[in-house]
Amino acid sequence: MTVVGIGTDIIECDRIAEMLEKHGDYFLDRVYTPRELEYCRGRKAAVQHYAGRWAAKEAVLKALGTGWSRGIAWTDIEVVNEMGGRPRIELGGKAIVVAAELGIREVLISISHCRSHAVAYATAQGG
């Protein structure tokens, strides 16, 4: 596999908390998939987990090299945790179409967070 693109993102957890307070379910349903919502809602520090997934989605967009310009929706990029907790990216909708056009077969992700910030790093692989 060869590296096709990389991306990173960092976000303040307070920013996500403000979006939750201001927009509630509208924000959650627009940005997160049902599996992501279930995962985050089940965590003690849910805002940190929402922030981590936000950062992951932004990092994936950067690794794809597209940003939001190609019609990719937030929910086209999903963070799923494997047994043991390792995060994995699942692409759907327009994101999987764009990835295929770019020869991307897999996007690896690393996510970290604390009370104040969440950060993610994505590596798009192809070939």
Protein backbone atom coordinates (compact mmCIF):
# COMPACT_ATOMS: atom_id res chain seq x y z
CA MET A 1 0.00 0.00 0.00
CA THR A 2 1.18 3.50 -0.75
CA VAL A 3 0.25 6.71 1.03
CA VAL A 4 -2.09 8.76 -1.14
CA GLY A 5 -2.79 11.51 1.37
CA ILE A 6 -2.53 12.57 5.00
CA GLY A 7 -4.62 14.87 7.13
CA THR A 8 -4.76 16.13 10.68
CA ASP A 9 -7.20 18.20 12.70
CA ILE A 10 -7.51 19.59 16.19
CA ILE A 11 -10.61 21.04 17.82
CA GLU A 12 -11.47 22.51 21.20
CA CYS A 13 -13.96 20.33 23.04
CA ASP A 14 -15.76 23.48 24.24
CA ARG A 15 -16.60 24.29 20.62
CA ILE A 16 -18.44 20.98 20.26
CA ALA A 17 -20.17 21.53 23.62
CA GLU A 18 -21.37 24.94 22.39
CA MET A 19 -22.72 23.40 19.16
CA LEU A 20 -24.55 20.76 21.20
CA GLU A 21 -26.04 23.40 23.48
CA LYS A 22 -27.04 25.70 20.62
CA HIS A 23 -28.28 23.17 18.04
CA GLY A 24 -28.91 19.93 19.97
CA ASP A 25 -30.20 16.98 17.95
CA TYR A 26 -30.05 18.90 14.67
CA PHE A 27 -26.27 19.19 15.08
CA LEU A 28 -25.86 15.58 16.20
CA ASP A 29 -27.95 14.10 13.37
CA ARG A 30 -26.22 16.22 10.73
CA VAL A 31 -22.67 15.32 11.81
CA TYR A 32 -22.78 11.84 13.36
CA THR A 33 -24.09 8.47 12.22
CA PRO A 34 -26.43 6.42 14.45
CA ARG A 35 -23.52 4.13 15.46
CA GLU A 36 -21.36 7.13 16.36
CA LEU A 37 -24.18 8.63 18.41
CA GLU A 38 -24.70 5.38 20.28
CA TYR A 39 -20.98 5.08 21.00
CA CYS A 40 -20.53 8.67 22.20
CA ARG A 41 -23.72 8.77 24.28
CA GLY A 42 -22.48 5.70 26.14
CA ARG A 43 -19.27 7.41 27.26
CA LYS A 44 -18.71 9.34 30.47
CA ALA A 45 -16.96 12.20 28.61
CA ALA A 46 -19.30 12.21 25.59
CA VAL A 47 -18.27 15.69 24.40
CA GLN A 48 -14.64 14.58 24.13
CA HIS A 49 -15.70 11.61 22.01
CA TYR A 50 -17.89 13.78 19.77
CA ALA A 51 -14.94 16.14 19.37
CA GLY A 52 -12.62 13.25 18.51
CA ARG A 53 -14.96 12.08 15.78
CA TRP A 54 -15.33 15.62 14.45
CA ALA A 55 -11.54 15.91 14.23
CA ALA A 56 -11.35 12.48 12.56
CA LYS A 57 -13.87 13.46 9.88
CA GLU A 58 -11.97 16.70 9.17
CA ALA A 59 -8.66 14.80 9.02
CA VAL A 60 -10.13 12.29 6.56
CA LEU A 61 -11.33 15.10 4.30
CA LYS A 62 -7.83 16.52 4.30
CA ALA A 63 -6.35 13.09 3.53
CA LEU A 64 -8.77 12.79 0.60
CA GLY A 65 -7.65 16.24 -0.51
CA THR A 66 -11.22 17.36 -1.19
CA GLY A 67 -12.54 19.29 1.76
CA TRP A 68 -16.29 19.71 1.45
CA SER A 69 -16.07 20.71 -2.24
CA ARG A 70 -17.11 17.35 -3.74
CA GLY A 71 -20.46 16.94 -1.99
CA ILE A 72 -19.27 14.74 0.86
CA ALA A 73 -21.60 14.81 3.87
CA TRP A 74 -20.44 14.54 7.49
CA THR A 75 -22.19 11.19 7.80
CA ASP A 76 -20.38 9.82 4.71
CA ILE A 77 -17.37 9.43 7.02
CA GLU A 78 -17.93 7.17 10.01
CA VAL A 79 -15.64 6.27 12.90
CA VAL A 80 -16.29 2.74 14.12
CA ASN A 81 -14.43 1.16 17.02
CA GLU A 82 -13.14 -2.37 16.64
CA MET A 83 -13.07 -4.85 19.49
CA GLY A 84 -10.50 -3.49 21.92
CA GLY A 85 -11.23 0.13 20.99
CA ARG A 86 -9.14 0.70 17.86
CA PRO A 87 -10.90 3.29 15.66
CA ARG A 88 -11.54 2.48 12.01
CA ILE A 89 -12.91 4.64 9.19
CA GLU A 90 -15.84 3.47 7.10
CA LEU A 91 -16.64 5.56 4.05
CA GLY A 92 -20.07 5.74 2.44
CA GLY A 93 -22.04 7.94 0.10
CA LYS A 94 -20.02 10.44 -1.91
CA ALA A 95 -16.89 9.85 0.21
CA ILE A 96 -16.49 6.26 -1.00
CA VAL A 97 -16.98 7.40 -4.62
CA VAL A 98 -14.31 10.10 -4.27
CA ALA A 99 -11.93 7.68 -2.54
CA ALA A 100 -12.34 5.15 -5.34
CA GLU A 101 -11.65 7.85 -7.96
CA LEU A 102 -8.43 8.70 -6.12
CA GLY A 103 -7.37 5.07 -5.78
CA ILE A 104 -7.79 5.10 -1.99
CA ARG A 105 -8.55 1.67 -0.57
CA GLU A 106 -8.31 2.40 3.15
CA VAL A 107 -8.07 5.34 5.52
CA LEU A 108 -6.22 4.75 8.79
CA ILE A 109 -7.09 7.01 11.72
CA SER A 110 -5.63 7.87 15.09
CA ILE A 111 -7.68 9.92 17.57
CA SER A 112 -6.72 11.40 20.92
CA HIS A 113 -8.52 13.72 23.30
CA CYS A 114 -8.40 15.33 26.72
CA ARG A 115 -10.74 17.70 28.52
CA SER A 116 -9.82 20.67 26.35
CA HIS A 117 -8.93 19.35 22.88
CA ALA A 118 -9.35 16.46 20.47
CA VAL A 119 -6.95 15.65 17.66
CA ALA A 120 -6.97 13.15 14.81
CA TYR A 121 -4.52 12.05 12.15
CA ALA A 122 -5.62 10.25 8.97
CA THR A 123 -3.57 8.36 6.41
CA ALA A 124 -5.22 7.50 3.09
CA GLN A 125 -3.68 4.40 1.47
CA GLY A 126 -4.03 3.02 -2.03
CA GLY A 127 -2.39 0.76 -4.51
